[in-house]
PDB file of N, CA and C in Angstrom:
ATOM      1  N   MET A   1      39.215 -70.865 -18.167  1.00  0.00           N
ATOM      2  CA  MET A   1      40.361 -70.080 -18.415  1.00  0.00           C
ATOM      3  C   MET A   1      40.573 -69.814 -19.905  1.00  0.00           C
ATOM      4  N   LEU A   2      40.321 -70.774 -20.740  1.00  0.00           N
ATOM      5  CA  LEU A   2      40.440 -70.610 -22.165  1.00  0.00           C
ATOM      6  C   LEU A   2      39.413 -69.580 -22.695  1.00  0.00           C
ATOM      7  N   SER A   3      38.189 -69.580 -22.180  1.00  0.00           N
ATOM      8  CA  SER A   3      37.193 -68.610 -22.624  1.00  0.00           C
ATOM      9  C   SER A   3      37.614 -67.188 -22.187  1.00  0.00           C
ATOM     10  N   ASP A   4      38.296 -67.055 -21.039  1.00  0.00           N
ATOM     11  CA  ASP A   4      38.770 -65.752 -20.606  1.00  0.00           C
ATOM     12  C   ASP A   4      39.844 -65.240 -21.508  1.00  0.00           C
ATOM     13  N   ILE A   5      40.774 -66.162 -21.904  1.00  0.00           N
ATOM     14  CA  ILE A   5      41.821 -65.778 -22.843  1.00  0.00           C
ATOM     15  C   ILE A   5      41.228 -65.311 -24.162  1.00  0.00           C
ATOM     16  N   LEU A   6      40.272 -66.139 -24.650  1.00  0.00           N
ATOM     17  CA  LEU A   6      39.630 -65.752 -25.952  1.00  0.00           C
ATOM     18  C   LEU A   6      38.909 -64.429 -25.889  1.00  0.00           C
ATOM     19  N   SER A   7      38.322 -64.183 -24.779  1.00  0.00           N
ATOM     20  CA  SER A   7      37.574 -62.917 -24.594  1.00  0.00           C
ATOM     21  C   SER A   7      38.577 -61.716 -24.576  1.00  0.00           C
ATOM     22  N   ARG A   8      39.624 -61.923 -23.894  1.00  0.00           N
ATOM     23  CA  ARG A   8      40.655 -60.864 -23.859  1.00  0.00           C
ATOM     24  C   ARG A   8      41.285 -60.647 -25.248  1.00  0.00           C
ATOM     25  N   LEU A   9      41.546 -61.685 -25.996  1.00  0.00           N
ATOM     26  CA  LEU A   9      42.106 -61.574 -27.367  1.00  0.00           C
ATOM     27  C   LEU A   9      41.116 -60.802 -28.229  1.00  0.00           C
ATOM     28  N   GLU A  10      39.837 -61.131 -28.072  1.00  0.00           N
ATOM     29  CA  GLU A  10      38.819 -60.460 -28.886  1.00  0.00           C
ATOM     30  C   GLU A  10      38.774 -58.967 -28.575  1.00  0.00           C
ATOM     31  N   ARG A  11      38.901 -58.603 -27.262  1.00  0.00           N
ATOM     32  CA  ARG A  11      38.924 -57.208 -26.976  1.00  0.00           C
ATOM     33  C   ARG A  11      40.152 -56.489 -27.490  1.00  0.00           C
ATOM     34  N   ILE A  12      41.324 -57.169 -27.474  1.00  0.00           N
ATOM     35  CA  ILE A  12      42.552 -56.683 -27.995  1.00  0.00           C
ATOM     36  C   ILE A  12      42.410 -56.413 -29.519  1.00  0.00           C
ATOM     37  N   GLU A  13      41.838 -57.386 -30.214  1.00  0.00           N
ATOM     38  CA  GLU A  13      41.628 -57.308 -31.671  1.00  0.00           C
ATOM     39  C   GLU A  13      40.732 -56.115 -31.992  1.00  0.00           C
ATOM     40  N   ASN A  14      39.660 -55.945 -31.232  1.00  0.00           N
ATOM     41  CA  ASN A  14      38.738 -54.784 -31.466  1.00  0.00           C
ATOM     42  C   ASN A  14      39.456 -53.479 -31.249  1.00  0.00           C
ATOM     43  N   ARG A  15      40.314 -53.387 -30.268  1.00  0.00           N
ATOM     44  CA  ARG A  15      41.063 -52.128 -29.998  1.00  0.00           C
ATOM     45  C   ARG A  15      42.061 -51.850 -31.152  1.00  0.00           C
ATOM     46  N   ILE A  16      42.692 -52.890 -31.630  1.00  0.00           N
ATOM     47  CA  ILE A  16      43.609 -52.740 -32.770  1.00  0.00           C
ATOM     48  C   ILE A  16      42.885 -52.268 -34.024  1.00  0.00           C
ATOM     49  N   ASP A  17      41.730 -52.837 -34.282  1.00  0.00           N
ATOM     50  CA  ASP A  17      40.890 -52.490 -35.439  1.00  0.00           C
ATOM     51  C   ASP A  17      40.487 -51.063 -35.333  1.00  0.00           C
ATOM     52  N   GLU A  18      40.141 -50.566 -34.117  1.00  0.00           N
ATOM     53  CA  GLU A  18      39.728 -49.165 -33.958  1.00  0.00           C
ATOM     54  C   GLU A  18      40.869 -48.253 -34.188  1.00  0.00           C
ATOM     55  N   MET A  19      42.108 -48.690 -33.855  1.00  0.00           N
ATOM     56  CA  MET A  19      43.284 -47.835 -34.090  1.00  0.00           C
ATOM     57  C   MET A  19      43.635 -47.754 -35.561  1.00  0.00           C
ATOM     58  N   VAL A  20      43.386 -48.779 -36.283  1.00  0.00           N
ATOM     59  CA  VAL A  20      43.692 -48.837 -37.749  1.00  0.00           C
ATOM     60  C   VAL A  20      42.550 -48.302 -38.535  1.00  0.00           C
ATOM     61  N   TYR A  21      41.337 -48.771 -38.246  1.00  0.00           N
ATOM     62  CA  TYR A  21      40.168 -48.423 -38.978  1.00  0.00           C
ATOM     63  C   TYR A  21      39.130 -47.781 -38.006  1.00  0.00           C
ATOM     64  N   PRO A  22      39.013 -46.447 -37.986  1.00  0.00           N
ATOM     65  CA  PRO A  22      38.057 -45.806 -37.044  1.00  0.00           C
ATOM     66  C   PRO A  22      36.613 -46.200 -37.436  1.00  0.00           C
ATOM     67  N   PRO A  23      35.786 -46.302 -36.382  1.00  0.00           N
ATOM     68  CA  PRO A  23      34.361 -46.618 -36.683  1.00  0.00           C
ATOM     69  C   PRO A  23      33.808 -45.541 -37.654  1.00  0.00           C
ATOM     70  N   GLU A  24      32.865 -45.948 -38.460  1.00  0.00           N
ATOM     71  CA  GLU A  24      32.255 -45.021 -39.475  1.00  0.00           C
ATOM     72  C   GLU A  24      31.628 -43.797 -38.742  1.00  0.00           C
ATOM     73  N   SER A  25      31.180 -43.971 -37.522  1.00  0.00           N
ATOM     74  CA  SER A  25      30.507 -42.856 -36.818  1.00  0.00           C
ATOM     75  C   SER A  25      31.559 -41.724 -36.555  1.00  0.00           C
ATOM     76  N   PHE A  26      32.865 -42.002 -36.558  1.00  0.00           N
ATOM     77  CA  PHE A  26      33.859 -41.020 -36.343  1.00  0.00           C
ATOM     78  C   PHE A  26      34.156 -40.208 -37.602  1.00  0.00           C
ATOM     79  N   ILE A  27      33.736 -40.655 -38.708  1.00  0.00           N
ATOM     80  CA  ILE A  27      33.988 -39.956 -40.009  1.00  0.00           C
ATOM     81  C   ILE A  27      32.841 -39.011 -40.278  1.00  0.00           C
ATOM     82  N   LYS A  28      33.157 -37.836 -40.759  1.00  0.00           N
ATOM     83  CA  LYS A  28      32.111 -36.864 -41.027  1.00  0.00           C
ATOM     84  C   LYS A  28      31.106 -37.344 -42.030  1.00  0.00           C
ATOM     85  N   PRO A  29      29.781 -37.204 -41.780  1.00  0.00           N
ATOM     86  CA  PRO A  29      28.770 -37.642 -42.689  1.00  0.00           C
ATOM     87  C   PRO A  29      28.954 -37.096 -44.117  1.00  0.00           C
ATOM     88  N   GLU A  30      29.425 -35.847 -44.276  1.00  0.00           N
ATOM     89  CA  GLU A  30      29.598 -35.294 -45.632  1.00  0.00           C
ATOM     90  C   GLU A  30      30.598 -36.093 -46.421  1.00  0.00           C
ATOM     91  N   PHE A  31      31.701 -36.581 -45.748  1.00  0.00           N
ATOM     92  CA  PHE A  31      32.686 -37.321 -46.440  1.00  0.00           C
ATOM     93  C   PHE A  31      32.175 -38.677 -46.848  1.00  0.00           C
ATOM     94  N   ILE A  32      31.404 -39.330 -45.966  1.00  0.00           N
ATOM     95  CA  ILE A  32      30.775 -40.608 -46.245  1.00  0.00           C
ATOM     96  C   ILE A  32      29.872 -40.445 -47.490  1.00  0.00           C
ATOM     97  N   LYS A  33      29.123 -39.400 -47.509  1.00  0.00           N
ATOM     98  CA  LYS A  33      28.188 -39.136 -48.605  1.00  0.00           C
ATOM     99  C   LYS A  33      28.983 -39.018 -49.937  1.00  0.00           C
ATOM    100  N   ARG A  34      30.097 -38.298 -49.953  1.00  0.00           N
ATOM    101  CA  ARG A  34      30.818 -38.102 -51.126  1.00  0.00           C
ATOM    102  C   ARG A  34      31.485 -39.418 -51.661  1.00  0.00           C
ATOM    103  N   VAL A  35      31.918 -40.235 -50.660  1.00  0.00           N
ATOM    104  CA  VAL A  35      32.494 -41.483 -51.008  1.00  0.00           C
ATOM    105  C   VAL A  35      31.441 -42.387 -51.693  1.00  0.00           C
ATOM    106  N   ARG A  36      30.301 -42.463 -51.091  1.00  0.00           N
ATOM    107  CA  ARG A  36      29.240 -43.268 -51.627  1.00  0.00           C
ATOM    108  C   ARG A  36      28.843 -42.806 -53.020  1.00  0.00           C
ATOM    109  N   GLU A  37      28.712 -41.447 -53.189  1.00  0.00           N
ATOM    110  CA  GLU A  37      28.365 -40.956 -54.501  1.00  0.00           C
ATOM    111  C   GLU A  37      29.411 -41.305 -55.546  1.00  0.00           C
ATOM    112  N   SER A  38      30.704 -41.178 -55.128  1.00  0.00           N
ATOM    113  CA  SER A  38      31.737 -41.566 -56.032  1.00  0.00           C
ATOM    114  C   SER A  38      31.728 -43.032 -56.412  1.00  0.00           C
ATOM    115  N   GLN A  39      31.397 -43.909 -55.464  1.00  0.00           N
ATOM    116  CA  GLN A  39      31.340 -45.313 -55.766  1.00  0.00           C
ATOM    117  C   GLN A  39      30.190 -45.566 -56.771  1.00  0.00           C
ATOM    118  N   SER A  40      29.052 -44.885 -56.549  1.00  0.00           N
ATOM    119  CA  SER A  40      27.915 -45.131 -57.484  1.00  0.00           C
ATOM    120  C   SER A  40      28.238 -44.561 -58.840  1.00  0.00           C
ATOM    121  N   ASP A  41      28.974 -43.419 -58.931  1.00  0.00           N
ATOM    122  CA  ASP A  41      29.361 -42.885 -60.215  1.00  0.00           C
ATOM    123  C   ASP A  41      30.308 -43.840 -60.986  1.00  0.00           C
ATOM    124  N   ILE A  42      31.230 -44.404 -60.257  1.00  0.00           N
ATOM    125  CA  ILE A  42      32.148 -45.359 -60.892  1.00  0.00           C
ATOM    126  C   ILE A  42      31.412 -46.605 -61.318  1.00  0.00           C
ATOM    127  N   ALA A  43      30.476 -47.105 -60.525  1.00  0.00           N
ATOM    128  CA  ALA A  43      29.648 -48.312 -60.917  1.00  0.00           C
ATOM    129  C   ALA A  43      28.791 -47.961 -62.167  1.00  0.00           C
ATOM    130  N   GLU A  44      28.414 -46.712 -62.324  1.00  0.00           N
ATOM    131  CA  GLU A  44      27.619 -46.315 -63.555  1.00  0.00           C
ATOM    132  C   GLU A  44      28.450 -45.963 -64.731  1.00  0.00           C
ATOM    133  N   GLY A  45      29.829 -46.091 -64.556  1.00  0.00           N
ATOM    134  CA  GLY A  45      30.734 -45.793 -65.627  1.00  0.00           C
ATOM    135  C   GLY A  45      31.022 -44.326 -65.806  1.00  0.00           C
ATOM    136  N   LYS A  46      30.669 -43.494 -64.836  1.00  0.00           N
ATOM    137  CA  LYS A  46      30.913 -42.056 -64.920  1.00  0.00           C
ATOM    138  C   LYS A  46      32.299 -41.616 -64.431  1.00  0.00           C
ATOM    139  N   GLY A  47      32.904 -42.447 -63.658  1.00  0.00           N
ATOM    140  CA  GLY A  47      34.192 -42.058 -63.056  1.00  0.00           C
ATOM    141  C   GLY A  47      35.376 -42.664 -63.799  1.00  0.00           C
ATOM    142  N   LYS A  48      36.528 -42.246 -63.477  1.00  0.00           N
ATOM    143  CA  LYS A  48      37.719 -42.788 -64.101  1.00  0.00           C
ATOM    144  C   LYS A  48      38.428 -43.695 -63.098  1.00  0.00           C
ATOM    145  N   THR A  49      38.775 -44.858 -63.530  1.00  0.00           N
ATOM    146  CA  THR A  49      39.485 -45.774 -62.744  1.00  0.00           C
ATOM    147  C   THR A  49      40.848 -46.093 -63.282  1.00  0.00           C
ATOM    148  N   TYR A  50      41.706 -46.560 -62.452  1.00  0.00           N
ATOM    149  CA  TYR A  50      43.108 -46.872 -62.845  1.00  0.00           C
ATOM    150  C   TYR A  50      43.453 -48.303 -62.439  1.00  0.00           C
ATOM    151  N   LYS A  51      44.294 -48.937 -63.218  1.00  0.00           N
ATOM    152  CA  LYS A  51      44.644 -50.354 -62.963  1.00  0.00           C
ATOM    153  C   LYS A  51      45.499 -50.483 -61.721  1.00  0.00           C
ATOM    154  N   SER A  52      46.281 -49.437 -61.473  1.00  0.00           N
ATOM    155  CA  SER A  52      47.122 -49.544 -60.276  1.00  0.00           C
ATOM    156  C   SER A  52      47.376 -48.127 -59.698  1.00  0.00           C
ATOM    157  N   MET A  53      47.916 -48.109 -58.485  1.00  0.00           N
ATOM    158  CA  MET A  53      48.292 -46.846 -57.858  1.00  0.00           C
ATOM    159  C   MET A  53      49.315 -46.124 -58.674  1.00  0.00           C
ATOM    160  N   ASP A  54      50.227 -46.848 -59.222  1.00  0.00           N
ATOM    161  CA  ASP A  54      51.357 -46.276 -60.046  1.00  0.00           C
ATOM    162  C   ASP A  54      50.690 -45.555 -61.245  1.00  0.00           C
ATOM    163  N   ASP A  55      49.736 -46.162 -61.906  1.00  0.00           N
ATOM    164  CA  ASP A  55      49.061 -45.510 -63.062  1.00  0.00           C
ATOM    165  C   ASP A  55      48.342 -44.261 -62.615  1.00  0.00           C
ATOM    166  N   PHE A  56      47.731 -44.292 -61.462  1.00  0.00           N
ATOM    167  CA  PHE A  56      47.043 -43.070 -60.875  1.00  0.00           C
ATOM    168  C   PHE A  56      48.037 -41.929 -60.674  1.00  0.00           C
ATOM    169  N   ILE A  57      49.139 -42.308 -59.976  1.00  0.00           N
ATOM    170  CA  ILE A  57      50.177 -41.298 -59.658  1.00  0.00           C
ATOM    171  C   ILE A  57      50.749 -40.720 -60.942  1.00  0.00           C
ATOM    172  N   ARG A  58      51.038 -41.547 -61.949  1.00  0.00           N
ATOM    173  CA  ARG A  58      51.539 -41.133 -63.204  1.00  0.00           C
ATOM    174  C   ARG A  58      50.552 -40.113 -63.837  1.00  0.00           C
ATOM    175  N   ALA A  59      49.274 -40.433 -63.853  1.00  0.00           N
ATOM    176  CA  ALA A  59      48.214 -39.629 -64.457  1.00  0.00           C
ATOM    177  C   ALA A  59      48.176 -38.246 -63.763  1.00  0.00           C
ATOM    178  N   ILE A  60      48.259 -38.146 -62.410  1.00  0.00           N
ATOM    179  CA  ILE A  60      48.125 -36.896 -61.776  1.00  0.00           C
ATOM    180  C   ILE A  60      49.409 -36.106 -61.822  1.00  0.00           C
ATOM    181  N   SER A  61      50.544 -36.721 -62.100  1.00  0.00           N
ATOM    182  CA  SER A  61      51.780 -36.088 -62.184  1.00  0.00           C
ATOM    183  C   SER A  61      52.012 -35.374 -63.525  1.00  0.00           C
ATOM    184  N   GLU A  62      51.248 -35.788 -64.532  1.00  0.00           N
ATOM    185  CA  GLU A  62      51.395 -35.184 -65.880  1.00  0.00           C
ATOM    186  C   GLU A  62      50.790 -33.874 -65.953  1.00  0.00           C
TER     187      GLU A  62
END
């Protein structure tokens, strides 16, 4: 009985995760490519980063 409960909880958790975070296969490949390129640019020091979301919003509001 306990293993059945754990199995059901695991399925529920997976369904919740899918609702919040869609599987990568659902995201367009072009978008994934752009995100990965941006991450590598930032790692190489080519991108601009902000200390907080407030700093980012302030910068784009100016």
